[in-house]
Amino acid sequence: MFTGIVASAFIQAINREENGWILQVASPLIAPKVQLGDSVAIDGACLSVFKVEGEVLWFYVSPESIDKTVIRYYTQGAKVNIELPMQPTGYLGGHYVLGHVDTTAVVTKIIPGDQAWFFTITVPEPFTKYVVYKGSVAINGVSLTINQVVDQQIELCIIPITIEKTNMSLLKENDLVNVEFDILAKYTEQLLLKRDN
């Protein structure tokens, strides 16, 4: 489980194989803390470390993860968001993030500013039921608060420190992002469905 409070890392290499990809991610701050088998979130997708080589973490990415996330668009040198799992003795600075990306969504508008950046993201219609004004959402693994909701569009207000520490500043209009909706909304939906049956 993660919190959506991320650091930055870089794609060092990608080995594209038929049955999945091998992803090498360089992260001088995170790599020394990681052991084999640890779960690490890359742009919000939970991946398991199978090799650590200096400052580089190696991950196997399944075809399902490639198909359902922005990992399929990665290139060598790309900046990514990285997060270690939440520790039981640590702070929950963001919200509960499982690292199970629900879908990708399109960035439809970006307004940079000195005090904050405003992003508008259009989510696929089947997922709008999980969107709540002032609720939480993870975009590329970053825990954010929904500032406004209009139909399929959500507006996010992002402060400068988040822009600086993540790959949000590199996004352009029409880019795709990974989205994980709040697990509490999904649990609530399941409870209501079971109660009605």
N, C-alpha and C. Protein backbone atom coordinates (compact mmCIF):
# COMPACT_ATOMS: atom_id res chain seq x y z
N MET A 1 0.85 -1.18 0.00
CA MET A 1 0.00 0.00 0.00
C MET A 1 0.89 1.24 0.00
N PHE A 2 0.41 2.28 -0.70
CA PHE A 2 1.19 3.50 -0.85
C PHE A 2 0.35 4.69 -0.39
N THR A 3 0.97 5.88 -0.41
CA THR A 3 0.26 7.08 0.03
C THR A 3 0.13 8.12 -1.08
N GLY A 4 0.85 7.96 -2.18
CA GLY A 4 0.80 8.94 -3.25
C GLY A 4 1.73 10.11 -3.04
N ILE A 5 2.63 10.01 -2.07
CA ILE A 5 3.67 11.03 -1.85
C ILE A 5 4.94 10.48 -2.50
N VAL A 6 5.32 11.03 -3.64
CA VAL A 6 6.31 10.39 -4.49
C VAL A 6 7.61 11.18 -4.59
N ALA A 7 8.63 10.51 -5.13
CA ALA A 7 9.89 11.13 -5.51
C ALA A 7 10.05 10.90 -7.02
N SER A 8 11.15 11.40 -7.58
CA SER A 8 11.33 11.21 -9.02
C SER A 8 12.46 10.22 -9.31
N ALA A 9 12.36 9.59 -10.46
CA ALA A 9 13.35 8.63 -10.93
C ALA A 9 13.37 8.70 -12.45
N PHE A 10 14.25 7.90 -13.07
CA PHE A 10 14.37 7.95 -14.53
C PHE A 10 14.45 6.54 -15.10
N ILE A 11 13.87 6.37 -16.28
CA ILE A 11 13.96 5.10 -16.99
C ILE A 11 15.36 4.99 -17.59
N GLN A 12 16.11 4.02 -17.12
CA GLN A 12 17.46 3.84 -17.65
C GLN A 12 17.47 2.96 -18.89
N ALA A 13 16.63 1.92 -18.89
CA ALA A 13 16.58 1.03 -20.05
C ALA A 13 15.26 0.27 -20.05
N ILE A 14 14.85 -0.13 -21.25
CA ILE A 14 13.64 -0.95 -21.42
C ILE A 14 13.98 -2.10 -22.35
N ASN A 15 13.78 -3.31 -21.87
CA ASN A 15 13.96 -4.49 -22.72
C ASN A 15 12.57 -5.03 -23.04
N ARG A 16 12.13 -4.81 -24.27
CA ARG A 16 10.79 -5.23 -24.68
C ARG A 16 10.82 -6.67 -25.15
N GLU A 17 10.18 -7.54 -24.40
CA GLU A 17 10.13 -8.95 -24.75
C GLU A 17 8.68 -9.35 -25.01
N GLU A 18 8.49 -10.48 -25.65
CA GLU A 18 7.15 -10.90 -26.06
C GLU A 18 6.22 -11.12 -24.87
N ASN A 19 6.74 -11.67 -23.79
CA ASN A 19 5.91 -12.00 -22.64
C ASN A 19 6.01 -10.98 -21.51
N GLY A 20 6.40 -9.78 -21.82
CA GLY A 20 6.54 -8.73 -20.82
C GLY A 20 7.83 -7.96 -21.02
N TRP A 21 7.95 -6.87 -20.30
CA TRP A 21 9.13 -6.01 -20.44
C TRP A 21 9.97 -6.06 -19.18
N ILE A 22 11.26 -5.81 -19.34
CA ILE A 22 12.16 -5.59 -18.22
C ILE A 22 12.44 -4.10 -18.18
N LEU A 23 12.08 -3.50 -17.06
CA LEU A 23 12.23 -2.05 -16.89
C LEU A 23 13.35 -1.79 -15.89
N GLN A 24 14.30 -0.94 -16.28
CA GLN A 24 15.37 -0.53 -15.37
C GLN A 24 15.15 0.93 -15.01
N VAL A 25 15.02 1.18 -13.70
CA VAL A 25 14.70 2.51 -13.21
C VAL A 25 15.81 3.00 -12.29
N ALA A 26 16.39 4.14 -12.62
CA ALA A 26 17.46 4.72 -11.82
C ALA A 26 16.89 5.66 -10.76
N SER A 27 17.23 5.38 -9.50
CA SER A 27 16.75 6.21 -8.40
C SER A 27 17.76 6.19 -7.26
N PRO A 28 18.69 7.15 -7.24
CA PRO A 28 19.72 7.17 -6.21
C PRO A 28 19.19 7.24 -4.78
N LEU A 29 18.04 7.88 -4.57
CA LEU A 29 17.48 8.01 -3.22
C LEU A 29 16.76 6.75 -2.76
N ILE A 30 16.08 6.08 -3.69
CA ILE A 30 15.24 4.93 -3.33
C ILE A 30 16.01 3.61 -3.37
N ALA A 31 16.86 3.43 -4.36
CA ALA A 31 17.53 2.13 -4.57
C ALA A 31 18.25 1.59 -3.34
N PRO A 32 18.96 2.42 -2.56
CA PRO A 32 19.65 1.88 -1.38
C PRO A 32 18.71 1.31 -0.31
N LYS A 33 17.44 1.69 -0.35
CA LYS A 33 16.48 1.25 0.66
C LYS A 33 15.73 -0.02 0.24
N VAL A 34 15.93 -0.46 -1.00
CA VAL A 34 15.10 -1.52 -1.57
C VAL A 34 15.80 -2.87 -1.50
N GLN A 35 15.01 -3.91 -1.24
CA GLN A 35 15.51 -5.28 -1.26
C GLN A 35 14.76 -6.07 -2.33
N LEU A 36 15.33 -7.19 -2.72
CA LEU A 36 14.69 -8.03 -3.73
C LEU A 36 13.30 -8.44 -3.27
N GLY A 37 12.35 -8.35 -4.20
CA GLY A 37 10.97 -8.72 -3.89
C GLY A 37 10.11 -7.58 -3.38
N ASP A 38 10.73 -6.45 -3.05
CA ASP A 38 9.95 -5.31 -2.55
C ASP A 38 9.01 -4.79 -3.63
N SER A 39 7.88 -4.28 -3.19
CA SER A 39 6.95 -3.60 -4.09
C SER A 39 7.33 -2.12 -4.15
N VAL A 40 7.31 -1.59 -5.36
CA VAL A 40 7.62 -0.18 -5.58
C VAL A 40 6.61 0.34 -6.61
N ALA A 41 6.08 1.54 -6.37
CA ALA A 41 5.13 2.13 -7.32
C ALA A 41 5.89 3.00 -8.31
N ILE A 42 5.68 2.72 -9.61
CA ILE A 42 6.26 3.52 -10.68
C ILE A 42 5.09 4.18 -11.41
N ASP A 43 5.01 5.50 -11.33
CA ASP A 43 3.85 6.24 -11.87
C ASP A 43 2.54 5.62 -11.39
N GLY A 44 2.55 5.14 -10.16
CA GLY A 44 1.33 4.61 -9.56
C GLY A 44 1.07 3.14 -9.82
N ALA A 45 1.90 2.49 -10.62
CA ALA A 45 1.73 1.06 -10.89
C ALA A 45 2.65 0.27 -9.98
N CYS A 46 2.08 -0.63 -9.19
CA CYS A 46 2.86 -1.43 -8.25
C CYS A 46 3.63 -2.51 -8.99
N LEU A 47 4.96 -2.47 -8.87
CA LEU A 47 5.84 -3.45 -9.52
C LEU A 47 6.77 -4.05 -8.47
N SER A 48 7.24 -5.27 -8.72
CA SER A 48 8.14 -5.94 -7.78
C SER A 48 9.57 -5.90 -8.28
N VAL A 49 10.48 -5.59 -7.37
CA VAL A 49 11.91 -5.52 -7.71
C VAL A 49 12.49 -6.92 -7.78
N PHE A 50 13.14 -7.26 -8.90
CA PHE A 50 13.79 -8.57 -8.97
C PHE A 50 15.30 -8.47 -9.04
N LYS A 51 15.82 -7.23 -9.14
CA LYS A 51 17.27 -7.04 -9.15
C LYS A 51 17.58 -5.60 -8.76
N VAL A 52 18.62 -5.43 -7.96
CA VAL A 52 19.11 -4.11 -7.61
C VAL A 52 20.58 -4.06 -8.00
N GLU A 53 20.93 -3.08 -8.79
CA GLU A 53 22.31 -2.95 -9.28
C GLU A 53 22.75 -1.51 -9.08
N GLY A 54 23.43 -1.22 -7.98
CA GLY A 54 23.81 0.15 -7.67
C GLY A 54 22.58 1.01 -7.42
N GLU A 55 22.40 2.03 -8.26
CA GLU A 55 21.26 2.93 -8.11
C GLU A 55 20.10 2.54 -9.02
N VAL A 56 20.18 1.36 -9.64
CA VAL A 56 19.19 0.94 -10.62
C VAL A 56 18.35 -0.23 -10.10
N LEU A 57 17.03 -0.08 -10.20
CA LEU A 57 16.08 -1.12 -9.83
C LEU A 57 15.56 -1.78 -11.10
N TRP A 58 15.45 -3.11 -11.06
CA TRP A 58 14.96 -3.87 -12.21
C TRP A 58 13.57 -4.42 -11.90
N PHE A 59 12.65 -4.25 -12.85
CA PHE A 59 11.28 -4.72 -12.69
C PHE A 59 10.86 -5.52 -13.92
N TYR A 60 10.06 -6.56 -13.68
CA TYR A 60 9.37 -7.24 -14.78
C TYR A 60 7.98 -6.61 -14.87
N VAL A 61 7.56 -6.23 -16.08
CA VAL A 61 6.24 -5.63 -16.28
C VAL A 61 5.41 -6.58 -17.13
N SER A 62 4.29 -7.04 -16.60
CA SER A 62 3.45 -8.01 -17.29
C SER A 62 2.72 -7.35 -18.47
N PRO A 63 2.30 -8.15 -19.44
CA PRO A 63 1.52 -7.61 -20.57
C PRO A 63 0.28 -6.84 -20.10
N GLU A 64 -0.37 -7.30 -19.03
CA GLU A 64 -1.56 -6.61 -18.50
C GLU A 64 -1.20 -5.20 -18.04
N SER A 65 -0.09 -5.06 -17.31
CA SER A 65 0.34 -3.73 -16.84
C SER A 65 0.74 -2.84 -18.00
N ILE A 66 1.39 -3.41 -19.00
CA ILE A 66 1.77 -2.64 -20.18
C ILE A 66 0.53 -2.12 -20.89
N ASP A 67 -0.45 -2.99 -21.03
CA ASP A 67 -1.67 -2.65 -21.77
C ASP A 67 -2.53 -1.62 -21.06
N LYS A 68 -2.56 -1.66 -19.71
CA LYS A 68 -3.49 -0.85 -18.95
C LYS A 68 -2.90 0.46 -18.40
N THR A 69 -1.61 0.68 -18.60
CA THR A 69 -0.97 1.87 -18.01
C THR A 69 -0.15 2.63 -19.06
N VAL A 70 0.38 3.77 -18.63
CA VAL A 70 1.21 4.59 -19.53
C VAL A 70 2.61 4.01 -19.69
N ILE A 71 2.89 2.90 -19.02
CA ILE A 71 4.19 2.25 -19.18
C ILE A 71 4.46 1.94 -20.64
N ARG A 72 3.40 1.65 -21.40
CA ARG A 72 3.58 1.30 -22.81
C ARG A 72 4.18 2.44 -23.64
N TYR A 73 4.16 3.66 -23.09
CA TYR A 73 4.71 4.81 -23.80
C TYR A 73 6.09 5.24 -23.28
N TYR A 74 6.62 4.52 -22.32
CA TYR A 74 7.91 4.90 -21.75
C TYR A 74 9.02 4.87 -22.79
N THR A 75 9.95 5.80 -22.63
CA THR A 75 11.17 5.82 -23.45
C THR A 75 12.36 5.97 -22.51
N GLN A 76 13.51 5.60 -22.98
CA GLN A 76 14.72 5.72 -22.18
C GLN A 76 14.94 7.18 -21.79
N GLY A 77 15.24 7.41 -20.51
CA GLY A 77 15.48 8.76 -20.02
C GLY A 77 14.24 9.46 -19.48
N ALA A 78 13.07 8.86 -19.66
CA ALA A 78 11.83 9.49 -19.19
C ALA A 78 11.83 9.62 -17.67
N LYS A 79 11.32 10.74 -17.19
CA LYS A 79 11.18 10.95 -15.75
C LYS A 79 9.90 10.28 -15.27
N VAL A 80 9.99 9.51 -14.18
CA VAL A 80 8.83 8.83 -13.62
C VAL A 80 8.73 9.13 -12.13
N ASN A 81 7.53 8.93 -11.60
CA ASN A 81 7.31 9.08 -10.16
C ASN A 81 7.54 7.72 -9.50
N ILE A 82 8.18 7.74 -8.33
CA ILE A 82 8.51 6.50 -7.64
C ILE A 82 8.14 6.64 -6.17
N GLU A 83 7.65 5.53 -5.59
CA GLU A 83 7.30 5.54 -4.17
C GLU A 83 7.49 4.16 -3.57
N LEU A 84 8.07 4.13 -2.37
CA LEU A 84 8.16 2.90 -1.60
C LEU A 84 6.84 2.69 -0.85
N PRO A 85 6.55 1.45 -0.45
CA PRO A 85 5.30 1.21 0.28
C PRO A 85 5.26 1.98 1.60
N MET A 86 4.06 2.24 2.05
CA MET A 86 3.84 2.91 3.32
C MET A 86 4.34 2.02 4.46
N GLN A 87 5.04 2.61 5.40
CA GLN A 87 5.51 1.89 6.59
C GLN A 87 4.50 2.07 7.72
N PRO A 88 4.29 1.05 8.54
CA PRO A 88 3.28 1.17 9.61
C PRO A 88 3.61 2.25 10.63
N THR A 89 4.87 2.66 10.70
CA THR A 89 5.25 3.69 11.66
C THR A 89 5.34 5.07 11.02
N GLY A 90 5.05 5.16 9.71
CA GLY A 90 5.20 6.42 9.00
C GLY A 90 3.92 7.25 8.99
N TYR A 91 4.01 8.41 8.33
CA TYR A 91 2.87 9.30 8.20
C TYR A 91 2.07 8.94 6.94
N LEU A 92 0.76 9.07 7.02
CA LEU A 92 -0.08 8.94 5.84
C LEU A 92 -0.28 10.34 5.29
N GLY A 93 0.67 10.78 4.45
CA GLY A 93 0.64 12.15 3.97
C GLY A 93 -0.35 12.38 2.85
N GLY A 94 -0.71 11.31 2.12
CA GLY A 94 -1.64 11.48 1.00
C GLY A 94 -2.94 10.76 1.31
N HIS A 95 -3.22 9.66 0.55
CA HIS A 95 -4.37 8.81 0.83
C HIS A 95 -3.98 7.38 0.50
N TYR A 96 -4.84 6.43 0.79
CA TYR A 96 -4.52 5.03 0.52
C TYR A 96 -4.47 4.78 -0.98
N VAL A 97 -3.30 4.41 -1.46
CA VAL A 97 -3.09 4.10 -2.88
C VAL A 97 -2.56 2.67 -2.96
N LEU A 98 -3.24 1.82 -3.72
CA LEU A 98 -2.87 0.42 -3.78
C LEU A 98 -1.81 0.12 -4.83
N GLY A 99 -1.66 1.01 -5.80
CA GLY A 99 -0.73 0.74 -6.89
C GLY A 99 -1.38 -0.11 -7.99
N HIS A 100 -2.70 -0.20 -7.96
CA HIS A 100 -3.46 -0.94 -8.98
C HIS A 100 -4.16 0.08 -9.86
N VAL A 101 -3.55 0.42 -10.97
CA VAL A 101 -4.07 1.45 -11.85
C VAL A 101 -5.40 1.00 -12.44
N ASP A 102 -6.43 1.87 -12.34
CA ASP A 102 -7.76 1.53 -12.84
C ASP A 102 -7.88 1.76 -14.34
N THR A 103 -7.29 2.84 -14.82
CA THR A 103 -7.43 3.21 -16.22
C THR A 103 -6.42 4.29 -16.56
N THR A 104 -6.37 4.65 -17.83
CA THR A 104 -5.64 5.85 -18.22
C THR A 104 -6.65 6.92 -18.60
N ALA A 105 -6.24 8.16 -18.50
CA ALA A 105 -7.13 9.29 -18.82
C ALA A 105 -6.33 10.35 -19.57
N VAL A 106 -7.05 11.23 -20.24
CA VAL A 106 -6.41 12.24 -21.10
C VAL A 106 -6.31 13.58 -20.39
N VAL A 107 -5.14 14.19 -20.46
CA VAL A 107 -4.96 15.55 -19.97
C VAL A 107 -5.53 16.49 -21.03
N THR A 108 -6.59 17.21 -20.69
CA THR A 108 -7.25 18.05 -21.70
C THR A 108 -6.93 19.53 -21.57
N LYS A 109 -6.41 19.95 -20.41
CA LYS A 109 -6.08 21.37 -20.25
C LYS A 109 -5.06 21.52 -19.13
N ILE A 110 -4.09 22.41 -19.36
CA ILE A 110 -3.08 22.72 -18.34
C ILE A 110 -2.93 24.24 -18.26
N ILE A 111 -3.07 24.77 -17.05
CA ILE A 111 -2.85 26.20 -16.84
C ILE A 111 -1.74 26.36 -15.80
N PRO A 112 -0.50 26.65 -16.25
CA PRO A 112 0.60 26.85 -15.28
C PRO A 112 0.41 28.19 -14.54
N GLY A 113 0.94 28.24 -13.33
CA GLY A 113 0.89 29.48 -12.57
C GLY A 113 1.98 29.52 -11.52
N ASP A 114 2.20 30.68 -10.93
CA ASP A 114 3.23 30.82 -9.90
C ASP A 114 2.82 30.13 -8.60
N GLN A 115 1.55 30.28 -8.24
CA GLN A 115 1.06 29.72 -6.97
C GLN A 115 0.56 28.29 -7.11
N ALA A 116 0.08 27.95 -8.30
CA ALA A 116 -0.45 26.60 -8.54
C ALA A 116 -0.62 26.37 -10.03
N TRP A 117 -0.63 25.10 -10.40
CA TRP A 117 -0.96 24.69 -11.77
C TRP A 117 -2.32 24.02 -11.71
N PHE A 118 -3.14 24.28 -12.74
CA PHE A 118 -4.45 23.65 -12.83
C PHE A 118 -4.46 22.68 -14.01
N PHE A 119 -4.80 21.43 -13.72
CA PHE A 119 -4.89 20.38 -14.74
C PHE A 119 -6.34 19.94 -14.86
N THR A 120 -6.81 19.81 -16.09
CA THR A 120 -8.11 19.21 -16.34
C THR A 120 -7.86 17.87 -17.01
N ILE A 121 -8.44 16.83 -16.45
CA ILE A 121 -8.24 15.47 -16.94
C ILE A 121 -9.61 14.85 -17.23
N THR A 122 -9.74 14.27 -18.41
CA THR A 122 -11.00 13.62 -18.79
C THR A 122 -10.89 12.12 -18.54
N VAL A 123 -11.74 11.62 -17.66
CA VAL A 123 -11.70 10.20 -17.30
C VAL A 123 -12.75 9.44 -18.12
N PRO A 124 -12.50 8.18 -18.44
CA PRO A 124 -13.50 7.39 -19.17
C PRO A 124 -14.82 7.34 -18.40
N GLU A 125 -15.92 7.39 -19.11
CA GLU A 125 -17.25 7.48 -18.51
C GLU A 125 -17.54 6.42 -17.46
N PRO A 126 -17.15 5.14 -17.67
CA PRO A 126 -17.48 4.13 -16.64
C PRO A 126 -16.88 4.41 -15.27
N PHE A 127 -15.87 5.29 -15.20
CA PHE A 127 -15.18 5.54 -13.93
C PHE A 127 -15.66 6.82 -13.23
N THR A 128 -16.56 7.57 -13.87
CA THR A 128 -16.99 8.83 -13.26
C THR A 128 -17.71 8.61 -11.93
N LYS A 129 -18.25 7.42 -11.73
CA LYS A 129 -18.96 7.13 -10.48
C LYS A 129 -18.01 7.16 -9.27
N TYR A 130 -16.70 7.07 -9.50
CA TYR A 130 -15.74 7.09 -8.40
C TYR A 130 -15.18 8.49 -8.14
N VAL A 131 -15.64 9.46 -8.92
CA VAL A 131 -15.11 10.82 -8.82
C VAL A 131 -16.00 11.64 -7.88
N VAL A 132 -15.38 12.23 -6.86
CA VAL A 132 -16.11 13.01 -5.87
C VAL A 132 -15.41 14.35 -5.67
N TYR A 133 -16.18 15.41 -5.69
CA TYR A 133 -15.65 16.75 -5.40
C TYR A 133 -14.95 16.75 -4.04
N LYS A 134 -13.72 17.22 -4.02
CA LYS A 134 -12.85 17.24 -2.82
C LYS A 134 -12.41 15.84 -2.40
N GLY A 135 -12.67 14.85 -3.24
CA GLY A 135 -12.20 13.50 -2.96
C GLY A 135 -10.77 13.32 -3.45
N SER A 136 -10.23 12.13 -3.22
CA SER A 136 -8.85 11.85 -3.59
C SER A 136 -8.77 11.03 -4.87
N VAL A 137 -7.68 11.24 -5.60
CA VAL A 137 -7.38 10.47 -6.80
C VAL A 137 -5.86 10.42 -6.93
N ALA A 138 -5.34 9.32 -7.48
CA ALA A 138 -3.90 9.24 -7.74
C ALA A 138 -3.68 9.35 -9.25
N ILE A 139 -2.91 10.36 -9.64
CA ILE A 139 -2.56 10.58 -11.05
C ILE A 139 -1.07 10.31 -11.19
N ASN A 140 -0.72 9.31 -12.02
CA ASN A 140 0.68 8.87 -12.13
C ASN A 140 1.28 8.61 -10.75
N GLY A 141 0.43 8.09 -9.86
CA GLY A 141 0.89 7.75 -8.52
C GLY A 141 0.90 8.88 -7.53
N VAL A 142 0.57 10.10 -7.96
CA VAL A 142 0.60 11.27 -7.09
C VAL A 142 -0.77 11.46 -6.45
N SER A 143 -0.80 11.54 -5.13
CA SER A 143 -2.05 11.76 -4.40
C SER A 143 -2.50 13.20 -4.58
N LEU A 144 -3.72 13.37 -5.14
CA LEU A 144 -4.23 14.71 -5.42
C LEU A 144 -5.68 14.82 -4.97
N THR A 145 -6.11 16.05 -4.74
CA THR A 145 -7.49 16.32 -4.36
C THR A 145 -8.23 16.87 -5.58
N ILE A 146 -9.44 16.36 -5.80
CA ILE A 146 -10.25 16.82 -6.93
C ILE A 146 -10.84 18.18 -6.59
N ASN A 147 -10.51 19.17 -7.41
CA ASN A 147 -10.87 20.56 -7.17
C ASN A 147 -12.26 20.89 -7.73
N GLN A 148 -12.62 20.22 -8.82
CA GLN A 148 -13.89 20.49 -9.49
C GLN A 148 -14.25 19.29 -10.35
N VAL A 149 -15.54 19.03 -10.52
CA VAL A 149 -16.01 17.94 -11.36
C VAL A 149 -17.08 18.47 -12.31
N VAL A 150 -16.87 18.26 -13.62
CA VAL A 150 -17.87 18.62 -14.63
C VAL A 150 -17.96 17.46 -15.60
N ASP A 151 -19.06 16.71 -15.52
CA ASP A 151 -19.26 15.53 -16.36
C ASP A 151 -18.08 14.57 -16.20
N GLN A 152 -17.32 14.31 -17.28
CA GLN A 152 -16.19 13.38 -17.22
C GLN A 152 -14.88 14.08 -16.89
N GLN A 153 -14.94 15.38 -16.69
CA GLN A 153 -13.71 16.14 -16.46
C GLN A 153 -13.50 16.44 -14.98
N ILE A 154 -12.27 16.22 -14.53
CA ILE A 154 -11.91 16.60 -13.16
C ILE A 154 -10.81 17.65 -13.24
N GLU A 155 -10.90 18.64 -12.37
CA GLU A 155 -9.87 19.67 -12.30
C GLU A 155 -9.04 19.43 -11.05
N LEU A 156 -7.73 19.55 -11.21
CA LEU A 156 -6.80 19.34 -10.11
C LEU A 156 -5.97 20.60 -9.93
N CYS A 157 -5.82 21.04 -8.70
CA CYS A 157 -4.98 22.19 -8.38
C CYS A 157 -3.70 21.64 -7.74
N ILE A 158 -2.56 21.90 -8.40
CA ILE A 158 -1.31 21.28 -7.96
C ILE A 158 -0.32 22.37 -7.55
N ILE A 159 0.18 22.24 -6.33
CA ILE A 159 1.08 23.27 -5.79
C ILE A 159 2.50 23.11 -6.35
N PRO A 160 3.29 24.17 -6.29
CA PRO A 160 4.63 24.15 -6.91
C PRO A 160 5.55 23.02 -6.43
N ILE A 161 5.52 22.67 -5.14
CA ILE A 161 6.42 21.62 -4.66
C ILE A 161 6.08 20.28 -5.30
N THR A 162 4.80 20.03 -5.55
CA THR A 162 4.40 18.79 -6.23
C THR A 162 4.83 18.81 -7.68
N ILE A 163 4.69 19.95 -8.33
CA ILE A 163 5.16 20.10 -9.71
C ILE A 163 6.66 19.83 -9.78
N GLU A 164 7.39 20.38 -8.83
CA GLU A 164 8.86 20.26 -8.83
C GLU A 164 9.32 18.83 -8.58
N LYS A 165 8.64 18.11 -7.70
CA LYS A 165 9.11 16.79 -7.29
C LYS A 165 8.60 15.64 -8.15
N THR A 166 7.69 15.91 -9.08
CA THR A 166 7.07 14.84 -9.85
C THR A 166 7.22 15.09 -11.35
N ASN A 167 6.68 14.18 -12.14
CA ASN A 167 6.72 14.38 -13.59
C ASN A 167 5.49 15.13 -14.11
N MET A 168 4.69 15.71 -13.23
CA MET A 168 3.52 16.46 -13.66
C MET A 168 3.91 17.66 -14.53
N SER A 169 5.05 18.26 -14.26
CA SER A 169 5.48 19.44 -15.04
C SER A 169 5.81 19.09 -16.49
N LEU A 170 6.02 17.82 -16.77
CA LEU A 170 6.37 17.39 -18.13
C LEU A 170 5.15 17.04 -18.97
N LEU A 171 3.99 17.00 -18.33
CA LEU A 171 2.78 16.63 -19.06
C LEU A 171 2.36 17.73 -20.03
N LYS A 172 1.78 17.30 -21.14
CA LYS A 172 1.25 18.21 -22.15
C LYS A 172 -0.21 17.84 -22.41
N GLU A 173 -0.94 18.77 -22.99
CA GLU A 173 -2.32 18.46 -23.35
C GLU A 173 -2.35 17.28 -24.32
N ASN A 174 -3.32 16.40 -24.13
CA ASN A 174 -3.51 15.15 -24.89
C ASN A 174 -2.62 14.00 -24.43
N ASP A 175 -1.76 14.24 -23.43
CA ASP A 175 -1.00 13.13 -22.85
C ASP A 175 -1.93 12.23 -22.06
N LEU A 176 -1.54 10.96 -21.94
CA LEU A 176 -2.27 10.03 -21.09
C LEU A 176 -1.59 9.92 -19.73
N VAL A 177 -2.38 9.72 -18.69
CA VAL A 177 -1.85 9.52 -17.34
C VAL A 177 -2.50 8.29 -16.73
N ASN A 178 -1.80 7.67 -15.79
CA ASN A 178 -2.37 6.57 -15.01
C ASN A 178 -3.31 7.15 -13.96
N VAL A 179 -4.44 6.48 -13.75
CA VAL A 179 -5.40 6.94 -12.74
C VAL A 179 -5.78 5.77 -11.84
N GLU A 180 -5.68 6.00 -10.54
CA GLU A 180 -6.24 5.07 -9.56
C GLU A 180 -7.23 5.84 -8.72
N PHE A 181 -8.48 5.39 -8.73
CA PHE A 181 -9.52 6.05 -7.96
C PHE A 181 -9.48 5.56 -6.52
N ASP A 182 -10.06 6.35 -5.64
CA ASP A 182 -10.03 6.07 -4.21
C ASP A 182 -10.66 4.71 -3.91
N ILE A 183 -9.93 3.87 -3.21
CA ILE A 183 -10.40 2.52 -2.89
C ILE A 183 -11.67 2.56 -2.04
N LEU A 184 -11.86 3.61 -1.24
CA LEU A 184 -13.07 3.70 -0.41
C LEU A 184 -14.32 3.77 -1.27
N ALA A 185 -14.24 4.48 -2.40
CA ALA A 185 -15.39 4.57 -3.31
C ALA A 185 -15.70 3.21 -3.92
N LYS A 186 -14.66 2.46 -4.25
CA LYS A 186 -14.87 1.14 -4.88
C LYS A 186 -15.43 0.13 -3.87
N TYR A 187 -14.96 0.19 -2.64
CA TYR A 187 -15.50 -0.69 -1.60
C TYR A 187 -16.97 -0.36 -1.33
N THR A 188 -17.27 0.93 -1.26
CA THR A 188 -18.65 1.36 -1.02
C THR A 188 -19.57 0.86 -2.12
N GLU A 189 -19.12 0.96 -3.36
CA GLU A 189 -19.92 0.47 -4.49
C GLU A 189 -20.22 -1.02 -4.34
N GLN A 190 -19.20 -1.80 -3.98
CA GLN A 190 -19.39 -3.25 -3.84
C GLN A 190 -20.34 -3.59 -2.70
N LEU A 191 -20.24 -2.87 -1.60
CA LEU A 191 -21.14 -3.11 -0.47
C LEU A 191 -22.59 -2.82 -0.85
N LEU A 192 -22.79 -1.71 -1.58
CA LEU A 192 -24.14 -1.34 -1.99
C LEU A 192 -24.71 -2.35 -2.99
N LEU A 193 -23.88 -2.81 -3.91
CA LEU A 193 -24.33 -3.80 -4.88
C LEU A 193 -24.74 -5.10 -4.21
N LYS A 194 -23.95 -5.53 -3.23
CA LYS A 194 -24.25 -6.78 -2.52
C LYS A 194 -25.48 -6.64 -1.64
N ARG A 195 -25.69 -5.46 -1.10
CA ARG A 195 -26.86 -5.24 -0.26
C ARG A 195 -28.14 -5.29 -1.09
N ASP A 196 -28.05 -4.79 -2.34
CA ASP A 196 -29.23 -4.75 -3.21
C ASP A 196 -29.57 -6.09 -3.82
N ASN A 197 -28.62 -7.05 -3.79
CA ASN A 197 -28.88 -8.37 -4.40
C ASN A 197 -29.55 -9.32 -3.42
